[in-house]
Protein backbone atom coordinates (compact mmCIF):
# COMPACT_ATOMS: atom_id res chain seq x y z
CA MET A 1 92.30 114.85 104.01
CA LEU A 2 95.51 116.08 105.62
CA ARG A 3 95.04 119.48 107.26
CA GLY A 4 97.52 122.12 108.38
CA GLU A 5 97.05 125.73 109.49
CA LYS A 6 97.54 127.26 106.02
CA VAL A 7 96.89 124.40 103.63
CA TYR A 8 95.17 121.07 103.38
CA LEU A 9 95.83 118.16 101.06
CA ARG A 10 92.96 116.27 99.47
CA ALA A 11 92.32 113.89 96.61
CA ARG A 12 92.45 115.45 93.15
CA ASP A 13 89.09 116.74 91.85
CA ALA A 14 88.28 116.88 88.15
CA ALA A 15 87.86 120.67 88.53
CA ASP A 16 91.52 120.94 89.65
CA VAL A 17 92.88 119.47 86.44
CA PRO A 18 92.38 122.41 84.04
CA VAL A 19 93.87 124.84 86.57
CA LEU A 20 96.92 122.68 87.27
CA HIS A 21 97.38 121.98 83.56
CA ARG A 22 97.20 125.67 82.60
CA GLU A 23 99.30 127.01 85.50
CA LEU A 24 101.91 124.25 85.77
CA TYR A 25 102.04 122.17 82.60
CA ASP A 26 101.47 124.87 79.98
CA ASP A 27 104.11 127.06 81.64
CA VAL A 28 106.98 125.47 79.70
CA PRO A 29 109.85 126.98 81.77
CA MET A 30 108.11 125.88 84.98
CA HIS A 31 107.51 122.39 83.63
CA ALA A 32 111.11 122.08 82.45
CA ARG A 33 112.36 122.90 85.95
CA ALA A 34 109.89 120.69 87.80
CA ASP A 35 109.64 117.54 85.71
CA GLY A 36 112.39 115.43 84.20
CA ARG A 37 110.17 114.44 81.29
CA PRO A 38 110.11 116.60 78.16
CA TRP A 39 107.23 118.97 77.54
CA TRP A 40 104.93 118.25 74.61
CA PRO A 41 102.03 120.45 73.51
CA ARG A 42 98.99 118.72 74.94
CA PRO A 43 95.49 120.12 75.35
CA VAL A 44 93.86 119.24 78.65
CA ALA A 45 90.98 117.59 76.76
CA THR A 46 93.27 114.84 75.41
CA GLY A 47 94.51 113.85 78.85
CA SER A 48 96.48 115.89 81.30
CA PRO A 49 99.34 114.63 83.46
CA TYR A 50 97.26 116.08 86.31
CA ASP A 51 94.22 113.86 85.65
CA ALA A 52 92.99 112.14 88.79
CA LYS A 53 94.45 108.67 88.97
CA GLU A 54 93.32 105.59 90.83
CA PRO A 55 95.14 105.26 94.15
CA SER A 56 98.21 103.03 93.99
CA GLU A 57 100.90 101.76 96.33
CA SER A 58 103.56 103.59 94.33
CA ALA A 59 102.08 107.12 94.40
CA ALA A 60 99.87 109.22 96.65
CA VAL A 61 98.68 112.27 94.68
CA PHE A 62 97.11 115.30 96.36
CA SER A 63 95.76 118.69 95.45
CA ALA A 64 96.96 121.41 97.83
CA VAL A 65 94.26 123.87 98.89
CA ALA A 66 94.62 127.05 100.98
CA VAL A 67 92.55 126.90 104.17
CA ASP A 68 91.88 130.63 103.80
CA GLY A 69 89.48 130.91 100.87
CA ASP A 70 89.44 127.20 100.01
CA VAL A 71 91.48 127.94 96.85
CA LEU A 72 93.66 125.48 94.94
CA VAL A 73 97.34 126.41 95.41
CA GLY A 74 99.12 123.48 93.79
CA GLU A 75 99.74 119.77 93.77
CA THR A 76 101.96 117.40 95.66
CA LEU A 77 102.74 113.72 95.77
CA LEU A 78 104.70 110.93 97.31
CA TRP A 79 105.97 108.96 94.32
CA GLY A 80 108.21 105.99 93.71
CA THR A 81 106.99 104.60 97.01
CA ASP A 82 108.73 101.38 97.94
CA LEU A 83 106.82 99.70 100.78
CA HIS A 84 109.44 96.97 101.17
CA ASN A 85 112.39 99.34 101.70
CA ARG A 86 109.97 101.91 103.20
CA TYR A 87 110.90 105.05 101.29
CA ALA A 88 109.29 107.51 98.90
CA HIS A 89 110.19 110.59 96.88
CA VAL A 90 108.45 113.91 97.46
CA GLY A 91 107.22 116.31 94.77
CA ILE A 92 105.59 119.73 95.14
CA SER A 93 104.42 122.18 92.50
CA LEU A 94 102.82 125.42 93.62
CA LEU A 95 100.85 127.74 91.37
CA PRO A 96 102.75 130.99 90.70
CA THR A 97 100.33 133.00 92.87
CA ALA A 98 100.90 130.64 95.83
CA ARG A 99 104.69 130.78 95.95
CA GLY A 100 106.46 132.52 98.83
CA ARG A 101 103.56 132.15 101.26
CA GLY A 102 104.83 129.26 103.40
CA PHE A 103 102.70 126.58 101.77
CA GLY A 104 105.68 124.47 100.71
CA THR A 105 106.98 124.02 104.25
CA GLU A 106 103.57 123.07 105.56
CA ILE A 107 102.96 120.68 102.66
CA LEU A 108 106.26 118.94 103.46
CA GLU A 109 105.21 118.68 107.12
CA LEU A 110 101.89 117.12 106.13
CA LEU A 111 103.55 114.70 103.70
CA ALA A 112 106.11 113.68 106.33
CA GLY A 113 103.32 112.93 108.80
CA TYR A 114 101.46 110.93 106.17
CA GLY A 115 104.53 109.05 104.98
CA PHE A 116 105.98 108.25 108.39
CA ASP A 117 102.88 107.86 110.57
CA VAL A 118 100.27 106.54 108.13
CA LEU A 119 102.35 104.56 105.61
CA GLY A 120 105.08 103.55 108.05
CA LEU A 121 107.88 104.76 105.79
CA HIS A 122 111.43 105.09 107.07
CA ARG A 123 112.79 107.66 104.59
CA LEU A 124 111.58 110.51 102.40
CA GLN A 125 113.70 112.04 99.65
CA VAL A 126 113.53 115.30 97.73
CA GLU A 127 115.35 115.87 94.45
CA THR A 128 115.33 119.42 93.14
CA LEU A 129 117.42 121.73 91.02
CA ALA A 130 120.35 123.08 93.02
CA ASP A 131 119.25 126.67 92.37
CA ASN A 132 115.71 126.04 93.71
CA ALA A 133 116.45 127.91 96.95
CA PRO A 134 112.80 128.04 98.12
CA MET A 135 112.41 124.25 97.92
CA VAL A 136 115.77 123.59 99.58
CA ALA A 137 114.94 126.05 102.38
CA ALA A 138 111.48 124.58 102.94
CA ALA A 139 112.89 121.05 103.08
CA GLU A 140 115.61 122.08 105.53
CA ARG A 141 113.03 123.83 107.78
CA VAL A 142 111.18 120.51 108.01
CA GLY A 143 114.39 118.65 108.87
CA PHE A 144 115.58 117.28 105.52
CA ARG A 145 119.36 117.13 105.24
CA LEU A 146 121.41 117.79 102.14
CA GLU A 147 122.81 114.40 101.12
CA GLY A 148 124.20 114.94 97.67
CA HIS A 149 124.90 117.27 94.79
CA LEU A 150 124.46 115.79 91.31
CA ARG A 151 126.48 117.75 88.80
CA GLN A 152 124.79 118.53 85.46
CA SER A 153 122.19 115.80 85.95
CA ALA A 154 119.10 117.59 84.61
CA TRP A 155 118.43 118.91 81.11
CA VAL A 156 116.62 122.23 81.56
CA LEU A 157 115.75 124.47 78.61
CA GLY A 158 118.84 123.79 76.56
CA ALA A 159 121.45 123.37 79.28
CA PHE A 160 122.44 120.91 81.96
CA ALA A 161 121.71 121.92 85.55
CA ASP A 162 122.83 120.55 88.89
CA GLU A 163 120.43 118.81 91.23
CA VAL A 164 120.55 118.26 94.98
CA VAL A 165 119.19 115.36 97.01
CA LEU A 166 117.80 115.90 100.49
CA GLY A 167 116.67 113.13 102.82
CA LEU A 168 114.65 112.84 106.02
CA LEU A 169 114.42 109.76 108.23
CA ALA A 170 111.40 108.97 110.38
CA ASP A 171 113.37 109.17 113.65
CA GLU A 172 114.79 112.58 112.68
CA TRP A 173 111.33 113.91 111.92
CA ARG A 174 109.80 112.59 115.12
CA GLY A 175 112.75 113.78 117.20
CA ARG A 176 112.59 117.42 116.14
């Protein structure tokens, strides 16, 4: 378990899956903004994208839980992990009731510590929609730097949207 002041990250429990599925997957606009894959109607009983997976070298999947109240607030992962080139991508999805409470910044701090200190990674990368100001701000508070702007690179609810890429190197994170 990775523990901060506001939130801790733990392995996914089976009880988390219906909540994450209902609050994140079944919210079509939210899913369209957070995931590059198309949304399909899918009942949780037939297999949710949030089902607990076996650990792998390419992805570390966590449930995010508020310390106060021990309540599930979202999910996060390091994905596309490349242990040879020592980088990974970062993903965060917070439940609607958890947004705006500082969890995202702390989750990024915990993931950076895990990625750099535990896995020995050299680089972490965030890709998000350019208009996702809360994610960009949280990443910048942790030390991520804006590295690129991808014009009309994401299909979101019937229109193309811009994405931004932010990166953080291990030495930058440790030197803050």
